[in-house]
């Protein structure tokens, strides 16, 4: 039975905004005046956390399967369609759309549905069960040299009963994970106006739907004492000529070992014995590290991966039960005879 234990969580925090006087460059670029509220005040970043945990009695292929499930199969929201109505900024429309597409977004993933037909959803046909609508409209002041447009300027526009759905629980809230991402910059009097649609998806389709930034595992080390040829633990030590063993005094012994004429250490066997251990990888025990981007807590990402794994096992069992056994090859020939 697979065992998960030793779970540790660490929540990330946004950097604290400096309260010192701005320098000359900052005075020239007064875009900090339009920085959206909550864009970095030393407060915890929503759902951005790192967890580590151990898994025992699990093979490397199964551990890798859990890693791939967390990377590519756990659904989250991401911006998929952008309608730019007005753009005077320095960033072209295509690049701006790509930047918005990579902005992490949290929402009621479990309550929303996937889009099965891409042509069935558009800005003139908004399905409240499948899409989230955002709008952005920023006009720079004429007396400000440069105005930065942040991701926090994207405002959610609830459709139908979505507002009630988002207020149902903390897990269903709609918000931008990082409101301080710079999207573009505007000159005096310039304007940016656009609409954006966010939909539910998985990382296997595009990386913008990946809920984790880092997800990896490593096999833990197992140390054991050196054994004699008959399998019994050696209490008196082993000769240095043995291989695959770690000698705690190896560096010291190399310094005093006689050298050959070529300058290399002599390979003559040594008579003294040393205390040794055998270091090897424990292939049945791994340690996972999962860092969430912020749409979901890292713990919830792992929980969803476990649910997906259970669903696939049940689906496989159903398929096996519904399949009639059929023998082929030599086994079928022997059975008919």
C-alpha atoms as a PDB file:
ATOM      1  CA  UNK A   1       0.000   0.000   0.000  1.00  0.00           C
ATOM      2  CA  UNK A   2       1.285   3.460  -0.960  1.00  0.00           C
ATOM      3  CA  UNK A   3       1.990   5.649   2.070  1.00  0.00           C
ATOM      4  CA  UNK A   4       2.097   9.470   1.964  1.00  0.00           C
ATOM      5  CA  UNK A   5       3.530  11.245   5.009  1.00  0.00           C
ATOM      6  CA  UNK A   6       5.784  14.026   6.281  1.00  0.00           C
ATOM      7  CA  UNK A   7       3.819  16.745   4.441  1.00  0.00           C
ATOM      8  CA  UNK A   8       5.292  20.246   4.799  1.00  0.00           C
ATOM      9  CA  UNK A   9       3.740  23.461   3.419  1.00  0.00           C
ATOM     10  CA  UNK A  10       5.339  26.855   2.815  1.00  0.00           C
ATOM     11  CA  UNK A  11       3.257  29.825   1.631  1.00  0.00           C
ATOM     12  CA  UNK A  12       4.972  32.430  -0.543  1.00  0.00           C
ATOM     13  CA  UNK A  13       4.551  36.176   0.053  1.00  0.00           C
ATOM     14  CA  UNK A  14       4.522  39.098  -2.324  1.00  0.00           C
ATOM     15  CA  UNK A  15       7.530  41.431  -2.183  1.00  0.00           C
ATOM     16  CA  UNK A  16       7.049  44.487  -0.017  1.00  0.00           C
ATOM     17  CA  UNK A  17       6.715  47.782  -1.882  1.00  0.00           C
ATOM     18  CA  UNK A  18       9.530  50.189  -1.066  1.00  0.00           C
ATOM     19  CA  UNK A  19       8.512  53.209   0.969  1.00  0.00           C
ATOM     20  CA  UNK A  20      11.689  55.204   0.245  1.00  0.00           C
ATOM     21  CA  UNK A  21      11.802  58.206  -2.045  1.00  0.00           C
ATOM     22  CA  UNK A  22      11.883  57.381  -5.799  1.00  0.00           C
ATOM     23  CA  UNK A  23      15.098  57.859  -7.721  1.00  0.00           C
ATOM     24  CA  UNK A  24      15.536  59.906 -10.916  1.00  0.00           C
ATOM     25  CA  UNK A  25      14.471  57.055 -13.198  1.00  0.00           C
ATOM     26  CA  UNK A  26      11.325  56.438 -11.175  1.00  0.00           C
ATOM     27  CA  UNK A  27      10.479  60.125 -11.216  1.00  0.00           C
ATOM     28  CA  UNK A  28      10.666  60.071 -15.013  1.00  0.00           C
ATOM     29  CA  UNK A  29       8.467  56.963 -15.134  1.00  0.00           C
ATOM     30  CA  UNK A  30       5.608  57.750 -12.755  1.00  0.00           C
ATOM     31  CA  UNK A  31       3.751  54.548 -13.574  1.00  0.00           C
ATOM     32  CA  UNK A  32       3.868  53.512  -9.887  1.00  0.00           C
ATOM     33  CA  UNK A  33       1.027  55.968  -9.317  1.00  0.00           C
ATOM     34  CA  UNK A  34      -1.322  53.712 -11.289  1.00  0.00           C
ATOM     35  CA  UNK A  35      -0.247  50.508  -9.594  1.00  0.00           C
ATOM     36  CA  UNK A  36      -3.429  48.541  -8.739  1.00  0.00           C
ATOM     37  CA  UNK A  37      -4.379  48.045  -5.115  1.00  0.00           C
ATOM     38  CA  UNK A  38      -3.005  44.890  -3.533  1.00  0.00           C
ATOM     39  CA  UNK A  39      -0.141  44.608  -6.021  1.00  0.00           C
ATOM     40  CA  UNK A  40       2.490  43.852  -3.413  1.00  0.00           C
ATOM     41  CA  UNK A  41       2.178  44.990   0.179  1.00  0.00           C
ATOM     42  CA  UNK A  42       3.956  42.132   1.926  1.00  0.00           C
ATOM     43  CA  UNK A  43       0.725  40.125   2.067  1.00  0.00           C
ATOM     44  CA  UNK A  44       0.580  36.391   1.319  1.00  0.00           C
ATOM     45  CA  UNK A  45       0.138  35.623  -2.360  1.00  0.00           C
ATOM     46  CA  UNK A  46      -3.098  33.708  -2.807  1.00  0.00           C
ATOM     47  CA  UNK A  47      -2.588  29.952  -3.088  1.00  0.00           C
ATOM     48  CA  UNK A  48       1.092  30.225  -4.043  1.00  0.00           C
ATOM     49  CA  UNK A  49       2.797  27.628  -1.902  1.00  0.00           C
ATOM     50  CA  UNK A  50       5.404  24.873  -1.966  1.00  0.00           C
ATOM     51  CA  UNK A  51       4.856  21.470  -0.416  1.00  0.00           C
ATOM     52  CA  UNK A  52       7.149  18.512   0.114  1.00  0.00           C
ATOM     53  CA  UNK A  53       6.038  15.031   1.103  1.00  0.00           C
ATOM     54  CA  UNK A  54       7.334  11.467   1.110  1.00  0.00           C
ATOM     55  CA  UNK A  55       5.796   8.454  -0.607  1.00  0.00           C
ATOM     56  CA  UNK A  56       6.708   4.893   0.331  1.00  0.00           C
ATOM     57  CA  UNK A  57       5.962   1.602  -1.438  1.00  0.00           C
ATOM     58  CA  UNK A  58       5.778   3.326  -4.824  1.00  0.00           C
ATOM     59  CA  UNK A  59       7.758   2.478  -7.960  1.00  0.00           C
ATOM     60  CA  UNK A  60       9.432   5.191 -10.090  1.00  0.00           C
ATOM     61  CA  UNK A  61       6.937   4.742 -12.995  1.00  0.00           C
ATOM     62  CA  UNK A  62       3.996   5.297 -10.650  1.00  0.00           C
ATOM     63  CA  UNK A  63       5.689   8.332  -9.054  1.00  0.00           C
ATOM     64  CA  UNK A  64       6.326   9.757 -12.512  1.00  0.00           C
ATOM     65  CA  UNK A  65       2.663   9.186 -13.377  1.00  0.00           C
ATOM     66  CA  UNK A  66       1.617  11.335 -10.402  1.00  0.00           C
ATOM     67  CA  UNK A  67       4.079  14.014 -11.530  1.00  0.00           C
ATOM     68  CA  UNK A  68       2.645  14.047 -15.056  1.00  0.00           C
ATOM     69  CA  UNK A  69      -0.929  14.165 -13.746  1.00  0.00           C
ATOM     70  CA  UNK A  70      -0.150  17.262 -11.685  1.00  0.00           C
ATOM     71  CA  UNK A  71       1.606  18.929 -14.625  1.00  0.00           C
ATOM     72  CA  UNK A  72      -0.815  18.186 -17.448  1.00  0.00           C
ATOM     73  CA  UNK A  73      -4.172  16.876 -16.224  1.00  0.00           C
ATOM     74  CA  UNK A  74      -5.341  19.062 -13.310  1.00  0.00           C
ATOM     75  CA  UNK A  75      -7.684  21.725 -14.788  1.00  0.00           C
ATOM     76  CA  UNK A  76      -7.438  25.473 -14.128  1.00  0.00           C
ATOM     77  CA  UNK A  77      -8.601  28.699 -15.785  1.00  0.00           C
ATOM     78  CA  UNK A  78      -6.574  30.705 -18.296  1.00  0.00           C
ATOM     79  CA  UNK A  79      -7.246  33.511 -20.766  1.00  0.00           C
ATOM     80  CA  UNK A  80      -7.878  32.004 -24.179  1.00  0.00           C
ATOM     81  CA  UNK A  81      -9.473  34.729 -26.350  1.00  0.00           C
ATOM     82  CA  UNK A  82      -8.659  38.424 -26.440  1.00  0.00           C
ATOM     83  CA  UNK A  83     -10.629  41.105 -28.309  1.00  0.00           C
ATOM     84  CA  UNK A  84      -8.542  44.296 -28.517  1.00  0.00           C
ATOM     85  CA  UNK A  85     -10.681  47.318 -29.343  1.00  0.00           C
ATOM     86  CA  UNK A  86      -8.087  50.055 -28.841  1.00  0.00           C
ATOM     87  CA  UNK A  87      -4.326  49.788 -28.350  1.00  0.00           C
ATOM     88  CA  UNK A  88      -2.019  52.808 -28.440  1.00  0.00           C
ATOM     89  CA  UNK A  89       0.691  51.166 -26.326  1.00  0.00           C
ATOM     90  CA  UNK A  90       4.174  50.055 -27.326  1.00  0.00           C
ATOM     91  CA  UNK A  91       3.309  46.335 -27.248  1.00  0.00           C
ATOM     92  CA  UNK A  92       1.714  45.016 -30.477  1.00  0.00           C
ATOM     93  CA  UNK A  93      -1.676  43.310 -30.340  1.00  0.00           C
ATOM     94  CA  UNK A  94      -0.289  39.797 -30.871  1.00  0.00           C
ATOM     95  CA  UNK A  95       2.333  40.062 -28.130  1.00  0.00           C
ATOM     96  CA  UNK A  96      -0.134  41.685 -25.770  1.00  0.00           C
ATOM     97  CA  UNK A  97      -2.592  38.828 -26.262  1.00  0.00           C
ATOM     98  CA  UNK A  98       0.151  36.294 -25.487  1.00  0.00           C
ATOM     99  CA  UNK A  99       1.140  38.161 -22.308  1.00  0.00           C
ATOM    100  CA  UNK A 100      -2.445  38.223 -21.077  1.00  0.00           C
ATOM    101  CA  UNK A 101      -2.828  34.517 -21.884  1.00  0.00           C
ATOM    102  CA  UNK A 102      -0.044  33.666 -19.422  1.00  0.00           C
ATOM    103  CA  UNK A 103      -1.500  35.665 -16.508  1.00  0.00           C
ATOM    104  CA  UNK A 104      -2.514  33.165 -13.762  1.00  0.00           C
ATOM    105  CA  UNK A 105      -6.215  33.263 -12.977  1.00  0.00           C
ATOM    106  CA  UNK A 106      -8.205  31.522 -10.237  1.00  0.00           C
ATOM    107  CA  UNK A 107     -11.896  30.683 -10.390  1.00  0.00           C
ATOM    108  CA  UNK A 108     -14.588  28.065  -9.676  1.00  0.00           C
ATOM    109  CA  UNK A 109     -12.946  25.305 -11.701  1.00  0.00           C
ATOM    110  CA  UNK A 110     -15.004  22.459 -10.252  1.00  0.00           C
ATOM    111  CA  UNK A 111     -18.285  24.262 -11.007  1.00  0.00           C
ATOM    112  CA  UNK A 112     -17.481  25.165 -14.627  1.00  0.00           C
ATOM    113  CA  UNK A 113     -17.514  22.983 -17.709  1.00  0.00           C
ATOM    114  CA  UNK A 114     -15.052  22.412 -20.543  1.00  0.00           C
ATOM    115  CA  UNK A 115     -15.626  23.878 -23.994  1.00  0.00           C
ATOM    116  CA  UNK A 116     -16.293  20.955 -26.327  1.00  0.00           C
ATOM    117  CA  UNK A 117     -16.846  22.996 -29.495  1.00  0.00           C
ATOM    118  CA  UNK A 118     -14.462  25.899 -30.030  1.00  0.00           C
ATOM    119  CA  UNK A 119     -16.782  27.635 -32.484  1.00  0.00           C
ATOM    120  CA  UNK A 120     -19.701  27.629 -30.044  1.00  0.00           C
ATOM    121  CA  UNK A 121     -18.185  30.232 -27.714  1.00  0.00           C
ATOM    122  CA  UNK A 122     -17.391  33.830 -28.643  1.00  0.00           C
ATOM    123  CA  UNK A 123     -17.790  37.394 -27.396  1.00  0.00           C
ATOM    124  CA  UNK A 124     -21.296  37.466 -28.874  1.00  0.00           C
ATOM    125  CA  UNK A 125     -22.186  34.093 -27.339  1.00  0.00           C
ATOM    126  CA  UNK A 126     -21.037  33.917 -23.713  1.00  0.00           C
ATOM    127  CA  UNK A 127     -21.981  30.742 -21.860  1.00  0.00           C
ATOM    128  CA  UNK A 128     -21.984  31.405 -18.065  1.00  0.00           C
ATOM    129  CA  UNK A 129     -21.225  27.730 -17.389  1.00  0.00           C
ATOM    130  CA  UNK A 130     -18.065  27.733 -19.508  1.00  0.00           C
ATOM    131  CA  UNK A 131     -16.442  31.182 -19.664  1.00  0.00           C
ATOM    132  CA  UNK A 132     -15.345  34.081 -17.456  1.00  0.00           C
ATOM    133  CA  UNK A 133     -15.395  37.557 -19.003  1.00  0.00           C
ATOM    134  CA  UNK A 134     -12.848  40.284 -18.151  1.00  0.00           C
ATOM    135  CA  UNK A 135     -12.593  43.853 -19.382  1.00  0.00           C
ATOM    136  CA  UNK A 136      -9.728  46.356 -19.354  1.00  0.00           C
ATOM    137  CA  UNK A 137      -9.990  50.053 -20.135  1.00  0.00           C
ATOM    138  CA  UNK A 138      -7.070  52.318 -19.177  1.00  0.00           C
ATOM    139  CA  UNK A 139      -6.383  55.837 -20.430  1.00  0.00           C
ATOM    140  CA  UNK A 140      -3.108  57.500 -19.518  1.00  0.00           C
ATOM    141  CA  UNK A 141      -3.077  61.022 -18.127  1.00  0.00           C
ATOM    142  CA  UNK A 142      -1.574  63.660 -20.375  1.00  0.00           C
ATOM    143  CA  UNK A 143       0.666  65.060 -17.653  1.00  0.00           C
ATOM    144  CA  UNK A 144       2.276  61.663 -16.884  1.00  0.00           C
ATOM    145  CA  UNK A 145       5.206  60.667 -19.146  1.00  0.00           C
ATOM    146  CA  UNK A 146       4.664  56.914 -18.873  1.00  0.00           C
ATOM    147  CA  UNK A 147       1.796  54.840 -17.460  1.00  0.00           C
ATOM    148  CA  UNK A 148       2.159  51.083 -16.922  1.00  0.00           C
ATOM    149  CA  UNK A 149      -0.859  48.844 -17.407  1.00  0.00           C
ATOM    150  CA  UNK A 150      -0.896  45.957 -14.921  1.00  0.00           C
ATOM    151  CA  UNK A 151      -2.722  42.653 -14.913  1.00  0.00           C
ATOM    152  CA  UNK A 152      -4.686  43.992 -11.938  1.00  0.00           C
ATOM    153  CA  UNK A 153      -6.475  46.389 -14.295  1.00  0.00           C
ATOM    154  CA  UNK A 154      -8.347  43.412 -15.775  1.00  0.00           C
ATOM    155  CA  UNK A 155     -11.773  43.512 -14.159  1.00  0.00           C
ATOM    156  CA  UNK A 156     -14.091  40.527 -13.965  1.00  0.00           C
ATOM    157  CA  UNK A 157     -17.590  41.070 -15.400  1.00  0.00           C
ATOM    158  CA  UNK A 158     -19.925  38.383 -13.984  1.00  0.00           C
ATOM    159  CA  UNK A 159     -22.366  36.773 -16.408  1.00  0.00           C
ATOM    160  CA  UNK A 160     -25.837  35.645 -15.323  1.00  0.00           C
ATOM    161  CA  UNK A 161     -25.490  34.001 -11.858  1.00  0.00           C
ATOM    162  CA  UNK A 162     -21.697  33.775 -11.765  1.00  0.00           C
ATOM    163  CA  UNK A 163     -21.410  36.328  -8.963  1.00  0.00           C
ATOM    164  CA  UNK A 164     -23.498  34.133  -6.666  1.00  0.00           C
ATOM    165  CA  UNK A 165     -21.390  31.133  -7.644  1.00  0.00           C
ATOM    166  CA  UNK A 166     -18.111  32.917  -6.831  1.00  0.00           C
ATOM    167  CA  UNK A 167     -19.437  34.065  -3.441  1.00  0.00           C
ATOM    168  CA  UNK A 168     -20.463  30.568  -2.447  1.00  0.00           C
ATOM    169  CA  UNK A 169     -17.063  29.640  -0.964  1.00  0.00           C
ATOM    170  CA  UNK A 170     -13.466  30.794  -0.790  1.00  0.00           C
ATOM    171  CA  UNK A 171     -12.411  28.110  -3.271  1.00  0.00           C
ATOM    172  CA  UNK A 172     -14.767  29.529  -5.923  1.00  0.00           C
ATOM    173  CA  UNK A 173     -13.524  33.115  -5.792  1.00  0.00           C
ATOM    174  CA  UNK A 174     -12.444  34.728  -9.067  1.00  0.00           C
ATOM    175  CA  UNK A 175      -9.202  36.720  -8.868  1.00  0.00           C
ATOM    176  CA  UNK A 176      -5.879  37.321 -10.595  1.00  0.00           C
ATOM    177  CA  UNK A 177      -3.069  35.569  -8.732  1.00  0.00           C
ATOM    178  CA  UNK A 178      -0.510  38.292  -9.487  1.00  0.00           C
ATOM    179  CA  UNK A 179      -2.089  41.735 -10.009  1.00  0.00           C
ATOM    180  CA  UNK A 180       1.318  43.398 -10.488  1.00  0.00           C
ATOM    181  CA  UNK A 181       2.327  41.881 -13.856  1.00  0.00           C
ATOM    182  CA  UNK A 182       3.147  44.641 -16.350  1.00  0.00           C
ATOM    183  CA  UNK A 183       1.209  44.098 -19.576  1.00  0.00           C
ATOM    184  CA  UNK A 184       2.211  47.197 -21.554  1.00  0.00           C
ATOM    185  CA  UNK A 185       3.047  50.896 -21.196  1.00  0.00           C
ATOM    186  CA  UNK A 186       1.160  53.926 -22.442  1.00  0.00           C
ATOM    187  CA  UNK A 187       2.350  57.396 -23.319  1.00  0.00           C
ATOM    188  CA  UNK A 188       0.537  60.646 -22.435  1.00  0.00           C
ATOM    189  CA  UNK A 189      -3.116  60.453 -23.497  1.00  0.00           C
ATOM    190  CA  UNK A 190      -2.843  56.912 -24.933  1.00  0.00           C
ATOM    191  CA  UNK A 191      -5.508  54.266 -24.313  1.00  0.00           C
ATOM    192  CA  UNK A 192      -5.838  50.499 -24.065  1.00  0.00           C
ATOM    193  CA  UNK A 193      -9.258  48.853 -24.179  1.00  0.00           C
ATOM    194  CA  UNK A 194      -9.912  45.126 -24.556  1.00  0.00           C
ATOM    195  CA  UNK A 195     -12.092  42.187 -23.513  1.00  0.00           C
ATOM    196  CA  UNK A 196     -10.767  38.759 -22.504  1.00  0.00           C
ATOM    197  CA  UNK A 197     -12.412  35.357 -22.118  1.00  0.00           C
ATOM    198  CA  UNK A 198     -11.015  32.780 -19.673  1.00  0.00           C
ATOM    199  CA  UNK A 199     -11.918  29.106 -20.060  1.00  0.00           C
ATOM    200  CA  UNK A 200     -11.200  25.860 -18.256  1.00  0.00           C
ATOM    201  CA  UNK A 201      -8.375  23.692 -19.626  1.00  0.00           C
ATOM    202  CA  UNK A 202      -5.469  21.352 -18.870  1.00  0.00           C
ATOM    203  CA  UNK A 203      -1.725  21.626 -19.303  1.00  0.00           C
ATOM    204  CA  UNK A 204      -1.661  18.851 -21.892  1.00  0.00           C
ATOM    205  CA  UNK A 205      -3.290  21.317 -24.315  1.00  0.00           C
ATOM    206  CA  UNK A 206      -1.205  24.399 -23.442  1.00  0.00           C
ATOM    207  CA  UNK A 207       1.265  25.342 -20.708  1.00  0.00           C
ATOM    208  CA  UNK A 208      -0.896  28.298 -19.616  1.00  0.00           C
ATOM    209  CA  UNK A 209      -3.264  25.765 -18.012  1.00  0.00           C
ATOM    210  CA  UNK A 210      -0.498  24.197 -15.909  1.00  0.00           C
ATOM    211  CA  UNK A 211      -1.237  24.648 -12.162  1.00  0.00           C
ATOM    212  CA  UNK A 212       2.337  24.062 -10.950  1.00  0.00           C
ATOM    213  CA  UNK A 213       5.608  25.853 -11.629  1.00  0.00           C
ATOM    214  CA  UNK A 214       7.836  23.040 -10.352  1.00  0.00           C
ATOM    215  CA  UNK A 215       6.879  19.424  -9.790  1.00  0.00           C
ATOM    216  CA  UNK A 216       9.563  16.808  -9.308  1.00  0.00           C
ATOM    217  CA  UNK A 217      10.543  13.862  -7.151  1.00  0.00           C
ATOM    218  CA  UNK A 218      13.787  12.249  -6.082  1.00  0.00           C
ATOM    219  CA  UNK A 219      14.507   8.817  -4.738  1.00  0.00           C
ATOM    220  CA  UNK A 220      15.732   8.842  -1.170  1.00  0.00           C
ATOM    221  CA  UNK A 221      19.096   7.399  -0.217  1.00  0.00           C
ATOM    222  CA  UNK A 222      19.347   4.223   1.804  1.00  0.00           C
ATOM    223  CA  UNK A 223      22.553   3.539   3.748  1.00  0.00           C
ATOM    224  CA  UNK A 224      23.537   0.129   5.020  1.00  0.00           C
ATOM    225  CA  UNK A 225      26.620  -1.372   6.601  1.00  0.00           C
ATOM    226  CA  UNK A 226      29.007  -3.393   4.459  1.00  0.00           C
ATOM    227  CA  UNK A 227      28.307  -7.114   4.425  1.00  0.00           C
ATOM    228  CA  UNK A 228      30.533 -10.120   4.166  1.00  0.00           C
ATOM    229  CA  UNK A 229      30.294 -12.454   1.207  1.00  0.00           C
ATOM    230  CA  UNK A 230      27.940 -14.733   3.162  1.00  0.00           C
ATOM    231  CA  UNK A 231      25.480 -11.815   3.690  1.00  0.00           C
ATOM    232  CA  UNK A 232      26.286 -11.173   7.362  1.00  0.00           C
ATOM    233  CA  UNK A 233      27.033  -7.631   8.525  1.00  0.00           C
ATOM    234  CA  UNK A 234      30.722  -7.095   9.088  1.00  0.00           C
ATOM    235  CA  UNK A 235      31.540  -5.655  12.486  1.00  0.00           C
ATOM    236  CA  UNK A 236      35.267  -5.421  11.878  1.00  0.00           C
ATOM    237  CA  UNK A 237      35.162  -3.436   8.610  1.00  0.00           C
ATOM    238  CA  UNK A 238      36.223  -4.199   5.079  1.00  0.00           C
ATOM    239  CA  UNK A 239      39.336  -3.794   2.977  1.00  0.00           C
ATOM    240  CA  UNK A 240      39.663  -0.607   0.926  1.00  0.00           C
ATOM    241  CA  UNK A 241      39.831  -2.729  -2.204  1.00  0.00           C
ATOM    242  CA  UNK A 242      36.030  -3.268  -2.067  1.00  0.00           C
ATOM    243  CA  UNK A 243      33.990  -1.283  -4.599  1.00  0.00           C
ATOM    244  CA  UNK A 244      30.663   0.528  -4.312  1.00  0.00           C
ATOM    245  CA  UNK A 245      31.332   1.562  -0.725  1.00  0.00           C
ATOM    246  CA  UNK A 246      31.843   4.925   0.929  1.00  0.00           C
ATOM    247  CA  UNK A 247      34.897   5.369   3.132  1.00  0.00           C
ATOM    248  CA  UNK A 248      34.629   8.190   5.647  1.00  0.00           C
ATOM    249  CA  UNK A 249      38.454   8.493   5.700  1.00  0.00           C
ATOM    250  CA  UNK A 250      38.937   8.234   1.938  1.00  0.00           C
ATOM    251  CA  UNK A 251      40.393  11.729   1.457  1.00  0.00           C
ATOM    252  CA  UNK A 252      42.865  11.262   4.293  1.00  0.00           C
ATOM    253  CA  UNK A 253      43.925   7.862   2.990  1.00  0.00           C
ATOM    254  CA  UNK A 254      44.456   9.273  -0.537  1.00  0.00           C
ATOM    255  CA  UNK A 255      46.843  11.859   0.874  1.00  0.00           C
ATOM    256  CA  UNK A 256      49.027   9.192   2.531  1.00  0.00           C
ATOM    257  CA  UNK A 257      48.717   6.536  -0.165  1.00  0.00           C
ATOM    258  CA  UNK A 258      52.045   5.830  -1.980  1.00  0.00           C
ATOM    259  CA  UNK A 259      52.220   6.979  -5.597  1.00  0.00           C
ATOM    260  CA  UNK A 260      53.513   5.028  -8.567  1.00  0.00           C
ATOM    261  CA  UNK A 261      56.126   6.234 -10.996  1.00  0.00           C
ATOM    262  CA  UNK A 262      53.447   7.873 -13.171  1.00  0.00           C
ATOM    263  CA  UNK A 263      52.290  10.025 -10.279  1.00  0.00           C
ATOM    264  CA  UNK A 264      49.011   8.222  -9.740  1.00  0.00           C
ATOM    265  CA  UNK A 265      48.023   6.565  -6.518  1.00  0.00           C
ATOM    266  CA  UNK A 266      49.241   3.024  -6.114  1.00  0.00           C
ATOM    267  CA  UNK A 267      46.581   0.337  -6.447  1.00  0.00           C
ATOM    268  CA  UNK A 268      48.267  -2.045  -4.076  1.00  0.00           C
ATOM    269  CA  UNK A 269      45.769  -3.602  -1.624  1.00  0.00           C
ATOM    270  CA  UNK A 270      45.863  -2.202   1.889  1.00  0.00           C
ATOM    271  CA  UNK A 271      45.829  -4.407   4.915  1.00  0.00           C
ATOM    272  CA  UNK A 272      44.105  -2.070   7.337  1.00  0.00           C
ATOM    273  CA  UNK A 273      40.351  -2.166   7.718  1.00  0.00           C
ATOM    274  CA  UNK A 274      37.924   0.772   7.885  1.00  0.00           C
ATOM    275  CA  UNK A 275      34.328   1.393   8.798  1.00  0.00           C
ATOM    276  CA  UNK A 276      32.286   1.572   5.597  1.00  0.00           C
ATOM    277  CA  UNK A 277      28.705   2.037   4.471  1.00  0.00           C
ATOM    278  CA  UNK A 278      27.000   1.224   1.195  1.00  0.00           C
ATOM    279  CA  UNK A 279      25.082   4.180  -0.301  1.00  0.00           C
ATOM    280  CA  UNK A 280      22.329   3.356  -2.784  1.00  0.00           C
ATOM    281  CA  UNK A 281      18.981   4.660  -4.000  1.00  0.00           C
ATOM    282  CA  UNK A 282      15.789   3.375  -2.444  1.00  0.00           C
ATOM    283  CA  UNK A 283      13.607   2.887  -5.537  1.00  0.00           C
ATOM    284  CA  UNK A 284      10.474   2.301  -3.445  1.00  0.00           C
ATOM    285  CA  UNK A 285      10.588   5.596  -1.533  1.00  0.00           C
ATOM    286  CA  UNK A 286      10.507   9.075  -3.113  1.00  0.00           C
ATOM    287  CA  UNK A 287      10.265  12.666  -1.926  1.00  0.00           C
ATOM    288  CA  UNK A 288       8.020  14.999  -3.932  1.00  0.00           C
ATOM    289  CA  UNK A 289       8.316  18.771  -4.259  1.00  0.00           C
ATOM    290  CA  UNK A 290       5.328  20.641  -5.703  1.00  0.00           C
ATOM    291  CA  UNK A 291       5.227  24.415  -6.198  1.00  0.00           C
ATOM    292  CA  UNK A 292       1.860  25.852  -7.207  1.00  0.00           C
ATOM    293  CA  UNK A 293       1.523  28.857  -9.512  1.00  0.00           C
ATOM    294  CA  UNK A 294      -1.398  30.182  -7.510  1.00  0.00           C
ATOM    295  CA  UNK A 295      -4.662  29.107  -9.143  1.00  0.00           C
ATOM    296  CA  UNK A 296      -4.870  26.198  -6.686  1.00  0.00           C
ATOM    297  CA  UNK A 297      -3.115  25.287  -3.470  1.00  0.00           C
ATOM    298  CA  UNK A 298      -0.343  22.758  -4.031  1.00  0.00           C
ATOM    299  CA  UNK A 299      -2.144  20.339  -1.691  1.00  0.00           C
ATOM    300  CA  UNK A 300      -5.291  20.609  -3.833  1.00  0.00           C
ATOM    301  CA  UNK A 301      -3.263  19.952  -6.984  1.00  0.00           C
ATOM    302  CA  UNK A 302      -1.988  16.695  -5.500  1.00  0.00           C
ATOM    303  CA  UNK A 303      -5.473  15.799  -4.249  1.00  0.00           C
ATOM    304  CA  UNK A 304      -6.895  16.316  -7.741  1.00  0.00           C
ATOM    305  CA  UNK A 305      -4.131  14.120  -9.182  1.00  0.00           C
ATOM    306  CA  UNK A 306      -5.122  11.337  -6.790  1.00  0.00           C
ATOM    307  CA  UNK A 307      -8.773  11.680  -7.837  1.00  0.00           C
ATOM    308  CA  UNK A 308      -7.821  11.514 -11.521  1.00  0.00           C
ATOM    309  CA  UNK A 309      -5.701   8.441 -10.848  1.00  0.00           C
ATOM    310  CA  UNK A 310      -8.601   6.696  -9.071  1.00  0.00           C
ATOM    311  CA  UNK A 311     -10.986   7.570 -11.912  1.00  0.00           C
ATOM    312  CA  UNK A 312      -8.637   6.105 -14.501  1.00  0.00           C
ATOM    313  CA  UNK A 313      -8.194   2.915 -12.501  1.00  0.00           C
ATOM    314  CA  UNK A 314     -11.966   2.521 -12.226  1.00  0.00           C
ATOM    315  CA  UNK A 315     -12.370   3.170 -15.953  1.00  0.00           C
ATOM    316  CA  UNK A 316      -9.700   0.571 -16.731  1.00  0.00           C
ATOM    317  CA  UNK A 317     -11.428  -1.966 -14.475  1.00  0.00           C
ATOM    318  CA  UNK A 318     -14.759  -1.367 -16.238  1.00  0.00           C
ATOM    319  CA  UNK A 319     -13.156  -1.815 -19.640  1.00  0.00           C
ATOM    320  CA  UNK A 320     -11.496  -5.041 -18.566  1.00  0.00           C
ATOM    321  CA  UNK A 321     -14.759  -6.461 -17.201  1.00  0.00           C
ATOM    322  CA  UNK A 322     -16.647  -5.542 -20.371  1.00  0.00           C
ATOM    323  CA  UNK A 323     -14.069  -7.125 -22.669  1.00  0.00           C
ATOM    324  CA  UNK A 324     -14.530 -10.750 -23.634  1.00  0.00           C
ATOM    325  CA  UNK A 325     -11.371 -12.832 -23.180  1.00  0.00           C
ATOM    326  CA  UNK A 326      -9.810 -14.020 -26.406  1.00  0.00           C
ATOM    327  CA  UNK A 327      -6.785 -16.268 -26.690  1.00  0.00           C
ATOM    328  CA  UNK A 328      -4.387 -15.987 -29.598  1.00  0.00           C
ATOM    329  CA  UNK A 329      -1.296 -17.760 -30.801  1.00  0.00           C
ATOM    330  CA  UNK A 330      -0.061 -21.012 -29.297  1.00  0.00           C
ATOM    331  CA  UNK A 331      -2.427 -20.786 -26.318  1.00  0.00           C
ATOM    332  CA  UNK A 332      -5.475 -20.672 -28.602  1.00  0.00           C
ATOM    333  CA  UNK A 333      -4.203 -23.621 -30.652  1.00  0.00           C
ATOM    334  CA  UNK A 334      -3.570 -25.731 -27.557  1.00  0.00           C
ATOM    335  CA  UNK A 335      -7.022 -24.910 -26.177  1.00  0.00           C
ATOM    336  CA  UNK A 336      -8.847 -25.956 -29.376  1.00  0.00           C
ATOM    337  CA  UNK A 337      -6.943 -29.233 -29.533  1.00  0.00           C
END
